[in-house]
Protein backbone atom coordinates (compact mmCIF):
# COMPACT_ATOMS: atom_id res chain seq x y z
CA GLN A 1 -50.77 62.75 103.17
CA SER A 2 -52.35 61.88 99.83
CA ALA A 3 -55.79 61.69 101.46
CA GLN A 4 -55.27 65.14 102.98
CA ARG A 5 -54.17 66.63 99.64
CA THR A 6 -56.83 65.09 97.38
CA PRO A 7 -59.57 63.36 99.41
CA GLN A 8 -62.01 63.29 96.47
CA LYS A 9 -59.54 61.78 93.98
CA ALA A 10 -59.91 58.14 92.90
CA ALA A 11 -57.26 56.04 94.63
CA PHE A 12 -58.07 52.43 93.68
CA ILE A 13 -60.49 51.18 91.03
CA ASP A 14 -61.69 47.68 90.18
CA THR A 15 -64.55 46.45 88.01
CA LYS A 16 -67.10 46.85 90.81
CA ARG A 17 -66.24 50.02 92.69
CA THR A 18 -63.91 52.96 93.24
CA TYR A 19 -62.42 54.16 96.51
CA THR A 20 -61.38 57.80 96.75
CA TYR A 21 -58.46 58.65 99.00
CA GLY A 22 -60.84 60.03 101.60
CA GLU A 23 -63.04 56.93 101.53
CA LEU A 24 -60.01 54.65 101.67
CA GLU A 25 -58.54 56.41 104.68
CA ALA A 26 -61.88 56.44 106.54
CA ALA A 27 -62.57 52.75 105.88
CA ALA A 28 -59.03 51.71 106.80
CA ARG A 29 -59.21 53.66 110.05
CA ARG A 30 -62.51 52.00 110.99
CA LEU A 31 -61.08 48.57 110.26
CA GLY A 32 -57.86 49.43 112.07
CA SER A 33 -59.82 50.48 115.15
CA PHE A 34 -61.69 47.17 115.14
CA LEU A 35 -58.56 45.05 114.63
CA ALA A 36 -56.63 46.95 117.31
CA LYS A 37 -59.19 45.84 119.87
CA GLU A 38 -58.83 42.22 118.75
CA LEU A 39 -55.05 41.92 118.35
CA PRO A 40 -51.78 43.05 119.90
CA VAL A 41 -49.48 45.11 117.68
CA HIS A 42 -47.18 43.24 115.27
CA SER A 43 -49.75 40.46 114.85
CA PRO A 44 -50.17 38.87 111.41
CA VAL A 45 -53.49 39.48 109.64
CA PRO A 46 -54.01 36.93 106.86
CA VAL A 47 -56.33 38.41 104.23
CA PHE A 48 -58.33 35.64 102.53
CA MET A 49 -60.01 37.61 99.75
CA ASP A 50 -59.98 38.04 96.00
CA LYS A 51 -57.82 40.82 94.58
CA SER A 52 -60.04 43.89 94.90
CA VAL A 53 -60.18 47.41 96.27
CA GLU A 54 -61.59 45.88 99.47
CA ALA A 55 -58.35 43.93 99.85
CA ILE A 56 -56.49 47.26 99.85
CA VAL A 57 -58.78 48.41 102.67
CA ALA A 58 -57.92 45.18 104.52
CA PHE A 59 -54.19 45.81 104.07
CA LEU A 60 -54.27 49.40 105.28
CA GLY A 61 -56.65 48.63 108.13
CA SER A 62 -54.19 46.03 109.37
CA VAL A 63 -51.44 48.63 109.25
CA TYR A 64 -53.48 51.19 111.18
CA ALA A 65 -53.89 48.53 113.87
CA GLY A 66 -50.10 48.24 114.14
CA CYS A 67 -50.21 44.78 112.58
CA PHE A 68 -48.92 43.36 109.30
CA TYR A 69 -50.96 41.84 106.50
CA VAL A 70 -50.45 38.67 104.46
CA MET A 71 -52.47 38.17 101.28
CA VAL A 72 -53.67 34.57 100.99
CA ASP A 73 -54.78 33.62 97.48
CA THR A 74 -58.29 32.16 97.52
CA GLY A 75 -57.46 30.09 94.43
CA HIS A 76 -54.56 28.23 96.02
CA PRO A 77 -54.89 24.59 97.13
CA ILE A 78 -56.28 24.17 100.61
CA GLY A 79 -53.09 22.39 101.71
CA ARG A 80 -50.94 25.42 100.86
CA VAL A 81 -53.34 27.79 102.60
CA LYS A 82 -53.28 25.66 105.74
CA ARG A 83 -49.47 25.54 105.74
CA ILE A 84 -49.34 29.33 105.51
CA LEU A 85 -51.77 29.67 108.41
CA ASP A 86 -49.83 27.09 110.44
CA THR A 87 -46.67 29.15 109.92
CA LEU A 88 -48.29 32.47 110.83
CA GLU A 89 -50.24 31.11 113.82
CA PRO A 90 -52.68 34.04 113.52
CA LYS A 91 -55.43 34.79 116.00
CA VAL A 92 -57.77 35.96 113.23
CA LEU A 93 -58.45 35.35 109.54
CA LEU A 94 -59.90 38.33 107.66
CA THR A 95 -62.22 37.56 104.77
CA ASP A 96 -65.37 39.00 103.17
CA LYS A 97 -68.91 37.73 102.68
CA LYS A 98 -68.08 36.42 99.22
CA ARG A 99 -65.39 34.09 100.61
CA GLU A 100 -66.82 33.44 104.07
CA LYS A 101 -68.03 29.90 103.32
CA GLN A 102 -64.70 28.95 101.74
CA ALA A 103 -62.81 30.43 104.70
CA ARG A 104 -64.85 28.43 107.20
CA GLU A 105 -64.06 25.25 105.28
CA LEU A 106 -60.35 25.72 106.02
CA GLY A 107 -60.79 24.43 109.55
CA PHE A 108 -59.15 27.55 110.99
CA SER A 109 -59.13 27.43 114.80
CA GLY A 110 -58.97 31.19 115.37
CA LYS A 111 -61.60 33.87 114.84
CA ILE A 112 -62.86 34.51 111.31
CA LEU A 113 -63.61 38.18 110.76
CA ILE A 114 -65.87 39.43 107.96
CA LEU A 115 -64.67 42.70 106.45
CA GLU A 116 -68.13 44.15 105.88
CA ASP A 117 -69.04 43.58 109.54
CA CYS A 118 -65.77 45.07 110.79
CA LEU A 119 -66.33 48.23 108.73
CA GLU A 120 -69.58 48.90 110.58
CA SER A 121 -67.63 49.65 113.76
CA PRO A 122 -66.72 53.30 114.52
CA GLU A 123 -63.26 54.78 114.30
CA ASP A 124 -61.34 55.09 117.58
CA SER A 125 -59.01 57.98 116.79
CA ARG A 126 -57.47 57.98 120.28
CA LEU A 127 -56.47 54.33 119.97
CA LEU A 128 -55.06 54.85 116.47
CA ARG A 129 -52.98 57.82 117.67
CA GLN A 130 -51.60 55.73 120.51
CA ILE A 131 -50.58 52.94 118.12
CA ARG A 132 -48.97 55.44 115.74
CA ARG A 133 -46.95 57.10 118.51
CA GLN A 134 -45.51 53.75 119.56
CA SER A 135 -44.70 52.55 116.04
CA LYS A 136 -41.16 52.23 114.63
CA ASP A 137 -39.90 52.15 111.06
CA THR A 138 -38.63 48.61 111.63
CA ASP A 139 -42.11 47.30 112.46
CA PRO A 140 -43.43 44.69 110.01
CA LEU A 141 -45.65 45.99 107.21
CA TYR A 142 -46.53 42.91 105.16
CA GLY A 143 -45.59 39.27 104.68
CA MET A 144 -45.43 37.14 101.54
CA PHE A 145 -44.87 33.45 101.00
CA THR A 146 -42.70 31.74 98.40
CA SER A 147 -44.15 29.29 95.91
CA GLY A 148 -43.09 26.35 98.05
CA SER A 149 -41.14 24.65 95.28
CA THR A 150 -38.74 23.23 97.88
CA GLY A 151 -41.58 21.49 99.68
CA SER A 152 -43.10 24.14 101.93
CA PRO A 153 -43.89 27.84 101.38
CA LYS A 154 -41.55 30.13 103.32
CA GLY A 155 -42.62 33.48 104.67
CA VAL A 156 -40.75 36.76 104.16
CA VAL A 157 -41.65 39.88 106.15
CA ALA A 158 -40.92 43.44 104.98
CA ALA A 159 -40.65 46.43 107.31
CA HIS A 160 -42.08 49.91 106.83
CA ARG A 161 -38.68 51.51 106.33
CA GLY A 162 -37.70 49.14 103.54
CA VAL A 163 -40.84 49.95 101.59
CA ILE A 164 -40.62 53.70 102.23
CA ASP A 165 -36.98 53.91 101.12
CA PHE A 166 -37.65 51.78 98.05
CA ILE A 167 -40.76 53.64 96.92
CA ASP A 168 -39.11 57.04 97.40
CA SER A 169 -36.38 55.96 94.99
CA PHE A 170 -38.66 53.99 92.65
CA THR A 171 -41.14 56.80 92.03
CA GLU A 172 -38.33 59.31 91.51
CA LEU A 173 -36.44 57.06 89.10
CA PHE A 174 -39.48 56.29 86.94
CA GLU A 175 -41.01 59.77 87.36
CA ILE A 176 -44.32 58.50 88.73
CA THR A 177 -46.50 61.40 89.89
CA GLY A 178 -50.02 62.12 91.02
CA GLU A 179 -50.99 62.53 87.37
CA ASP A 180 -50.33 58.86 86.63
CA ILE A 181 -52.81 56.00 86.41
CA LEU A 182 -51.21 52.64 87.15
CA GLY A 183 -52.60 49.47 85.59
CA ASN A 184 -52.06 46.69 88.15
CA GLN A 185 -51.42 43.20 86.79
CA ALA A 186 -49.51 41.50 89.62
CA PRO A 187 -51.38 39.41 92.20
CA PHE A 188 -51.36 40.90 95.70
CA ASP A 189 -49.38 37.93 97.06
CA PHE A 190 -46.56 38.71 94.57
CA ASP A 191 -43.98 41.38 95.41
CA VAL A 192 -44.38 43.30 92.13
CA SER A 193 -47.75 44.49 93.46
CA VAL A 194 -45.94 46.40 96.22
CA LYS A 195 -44.59 48.77 93.55
CA ASP A 196 -48.13 49.40 92.29
CA ILE A 197 -49.79 49.89 95.67
CA TYR A 198 -47.18 52.06 97.34
CA SER A 199 -46.24 54.11 94.27
CA THR A 200 -49.94 54.99 94.13
CA LEU A 201 -50.18 55.92 97.80
CA LYS A 202 -46.87 57.82 97.81
CA THR A 203 -47.64 60.07 94.84
CA GLY A 204 -51.42 60.35 95.10
CA ALA A 205 -51.83 58.56 91.77
CA THR A 206 -54.69 56.24 90.81
CA MET A 207 -54.40 52.46 90.52
CA VAL A 208 -56.70 50.40 88.29
CA LEU A 209 -56.92 46.69 89.12
CA ILE A 210 -56.99 44.74 85.85
CA PRO A 211 -59.02 41.50 86.01
CA LYS A 212 -56.87 38.40 85.58
CA GLN A 213 -59.12 36.97 82.87
CA PHE A 214 -58.43 39.96 80.60
CA PHE A 215 -54.90 38.69 80.03
CA SER A 216 -56.40 35.81 78.05
CA PHE A 217 -58.24 38.28 75.80
CA PRO A 218 -55.84 40.97 74.56
CA ALA A 219 -58.58 43.00 72.87
CA LYS A 220 -60.52 43.29 76.15
CA LEU A 221 -57.28 44.08 77.97
CA LEU A 222 -56.39 46.93 75.61
CA ASP A 223 -59.93 48.31 75.72
CA TYR A 224 -59.85 48.26 79.54
CA ILE A 225 -56.55 50.08 79.93
CA SER A 226 -57.51 52.56 77.21
CA TRP A 227 -60.89 53.26 78.84
CA HIS A 228 -59.15 54.02 82.15
CA ARG A 229 -56.41 56.05 80.43
CA VAL A 230 -53.66 53.99 82.10
CA THR A 231 -50.25 55.64 81.81
CA THR A 232 -47.96 53.25 83.71
CA LEU A 233 -47.57 49.47 83.61
CA ILE A 234 -45.37 47.62 86.09
CA TRP A 235 -45.88 44.16 84.66
CA ALA A 236 -44.15 40.81 84.74
CA VAL A 237 -42.33 40.23 81.44
CA SER A 238 -44.59 37.30 80.54
CA ALA A 239 -47.70 39.47 80.93
CA LEU A 240 -46.20 42.26 78.84
CA CYS A 241 -45.22 39.83 76.07
């Protein structure tokens, strides 16, 4: 709906590029078409990428395919990453050219897909319509894993309806609108990021991804959020302090 209302508006911005709503929808639909031919619906799609606007494309492409995404932090120890993959038992691992070598060093037995290559495939609108018609609000949307402090990371899966109900209330309560610019601090494998991503999509706002290293240099951080005219911060308390 946001893409139909304001296709030319900036949706997600990082230090390297900007995706408008129209570009985001088109890229996600191409990726979704590719993934739908590789995977049955409700399959997990682990996303082994840095936090970036391309990761958002990976998330939404997975959803268009009727699957659910799981962000896998490229900075985590290889043992944790392998335990997550062992739990998910995925058929594919989605990465990008930047992290391809690292992904192949994981010893993953399934198919490793490279985002840039997947995006070269055409959209299959008929297939996407078929998947949409068969979808339910209780279908899985995303998965996240705990820190593993008890010995092994445990996965939690959220459904579409839970996120939709929450974001409807969240954006109303905090009066987030399409005029807002959200400054994202939370990693994409941490649930606070869900508020950023889906508040943006729901209202047609813009989300700016703030580089992690800026939080070690407050002057750079303040310059960055001022330059982008950020209006809304949904930050962990430690980051805000």
